[in-house]
Amino acid sequence: MRKIDTRNDKVLAFLLGITYGYRGALVEVKRRDISQYDEEEHSKDRVYFLNRKTGYVGNIKPSEFTHICAIRECKEEQKVIIFLYK
């Protein structure tokens, strides 16, 4: 296994932290184009806006962002779906 250096990349550290935090559940990652993002589809999910250039990670929509991460927890299936819009 290879060690991943996340000291200089807050966005990568955030994404790895999410997968580590849900290590007991089945995690499914779906990658989509950022133009396919629909706020209504993710109204009940936790949504984070990410900017790899500045290192911004937060749930408040900034003026510019590079990625969107939406987390949906399915408790009855014990499954977590992470939608990553790039």
Protein backbone atom coordinates (compact mmCIF):
# COMPACT_ATOMS: atom_id res chain seq x y z
CA MET A 1 0.00 0.00 0.00
CA ARG A 2 1.25 3.48 -0.90
CA LYS A 3 1.12 6.41 1.52
CA ILE A 4 -0.74 9.47 0.19
CA ASP A 5 0.64 12.85 1.24
CA THR A 6 -2.30 15.15 1.98
CA ARG A 7 -0.51 17.94 3.87
CA ASN A 8 -0.71 20.40 0.98
CA ASP A 9 -4.07 19.39 -0.48
CA LYS A 10 -7.12 20.08 1.73
CA VAL A 11 -9.57 18.75 -0.86
CA LEU A 12 -7.83 15.40 -1.12
CA ALA A 13 -7.61 15.18 2.68
CA PHE A 14 -11.36 15.91 2.88
CA LEU A 15 -12.26 13.15 0.40
CA LEU A 16 -10.00 10.61 2.08
CA GLY A 17 -11.47 11.58 5.44
CA ILE A 18 -14.99 10.90 4.19
CA THR A 19 -14.09 7.42 2.93
CA TYR A 20 -12.23 6.67 6.17
CA GLY A 21 -15.16 7.90 8.26
CA TYR A 22 -17.55 5.53 6.51
CA ARG A 23 -15.20 2.55 6.57
CA GLY A 24 -17.79 0.32 8.27
CA ALA A 25 -20.41 0.91 5.59
CA LEU A 26 -20.53 0.08 1.92
CA VAL A 27 -19.28 3.19 0.09
CA GLU A 28 -20.22 3.77 -3.53
CA VAL A 29 -18.63 6.63 -5.47
CA LYS A 30 -20.34 8.03 -8.54
CA ARG A 31 -18.38 10.48 -10.67
CA ARG A 32 -20.36 12.83 -12.89
CA ASP A 33 -19.71 15.92 -14.96
CA ILE A 34 -20.21 19.18 -13.08
CA SER A 35 -22.77 20.34 -15.65
CA GLN A 36 -25.07 17.47 -14.54
CA TYR A 37 -25.34 18.79 -10.97
CA ASP A 38 -28.95 19.42 -9.91
CA GLU A 39 -29.66 21.09 -6.55
CA GLU A 40 -33.12 19.52 -6.31
CA GLU A 41 -31.71 15.99 -6.67
CA HIS A 42 -29.41 16.59 -3.69
CA SER A 43 -31.76 18.65 -1.51
CA LYS A 44 -31.70 16.02 1.28
CA ASP A 45 -27.99 15.20 0.91
CA ARG A 46 -25.00 16.90 2.48
CA VAL A 47 -23.37 18.99 -0.25
CA TYR A 48 -19.83 20.40 -0.14
CA PHE A 49 -18.22 22.74 -2.64
CA LEU A 50 -14.52 22.21 -3.29
CA ASN A 51 -11.88 24.32 -4.98
CA ARG A 52 -8.59 22.53 -5.69
CA LYS A 53 -6.84 25.78 -6.65
CA THR A 54 -7.49 27.63 -3.38
CA GLY A 55 -8.04 24.64 -1.08
CA TYR A 56 -11.58 25.70 -0.16
CA VAL A 57 -13.86 23.05 1.34
CA GLY A 58 -17.27 24.12 2.63
CA ASN A 59 -21.02 23.87 2.32
CA ILE A 60 -21.47 27.53 1.34
CA LYS A 61 -21.43 27.96 -2.44
CA PRO A 62 -18.50 30.22 -3.38
CA SER A 63 -18.21 32.26 -6.55
CA GLU A 64 -15.86 29.72 -8.09
CA PHE A 65 -15.38 26.02 -7.38
CA THR A 66 -13.85 23.05 -9.19
CA HIS A 67 -15.75 20.11 -7.65
CA ILE A 68 -19.01 19.38 -5.85
CA CYS A 69 -19.32 16.50 -3.40
CA ALA A 70 -22.79 15.27 -2.34
CA ILE A 71 -23.10 12.59 0.34
CA ARG A 72 -26.23 10.45 0.58
CA GLU A 73 -26.69 8.01 3.47
CA CYS A 74 -29.04 5.06 2.90
CA LYS A 75 -29.55 3.80 6.45
CA GLU A 76 -31.85 0.92 5.56
CA GLU A 77 -29.26 -0.49 3.12
CA GLN A 78 -26.27 0.56 5.29
CA LYS A 79 -24.79 2.19 2.23
CA VAL A 80 -23.25 5.58 1.54
CA ILE A 81 -23.26 7.09 -1.94
CA ILE A 82 -20.75 9.83 -2.68
CA PHE A 83 -21.52 11.86 -5.79
CA LEU A 84 -18.41 13.62 -7.04
CA TYR A 85 -19.06 16.24 -9.70
CA LYS A 86 -15.94 17.34 -11.56
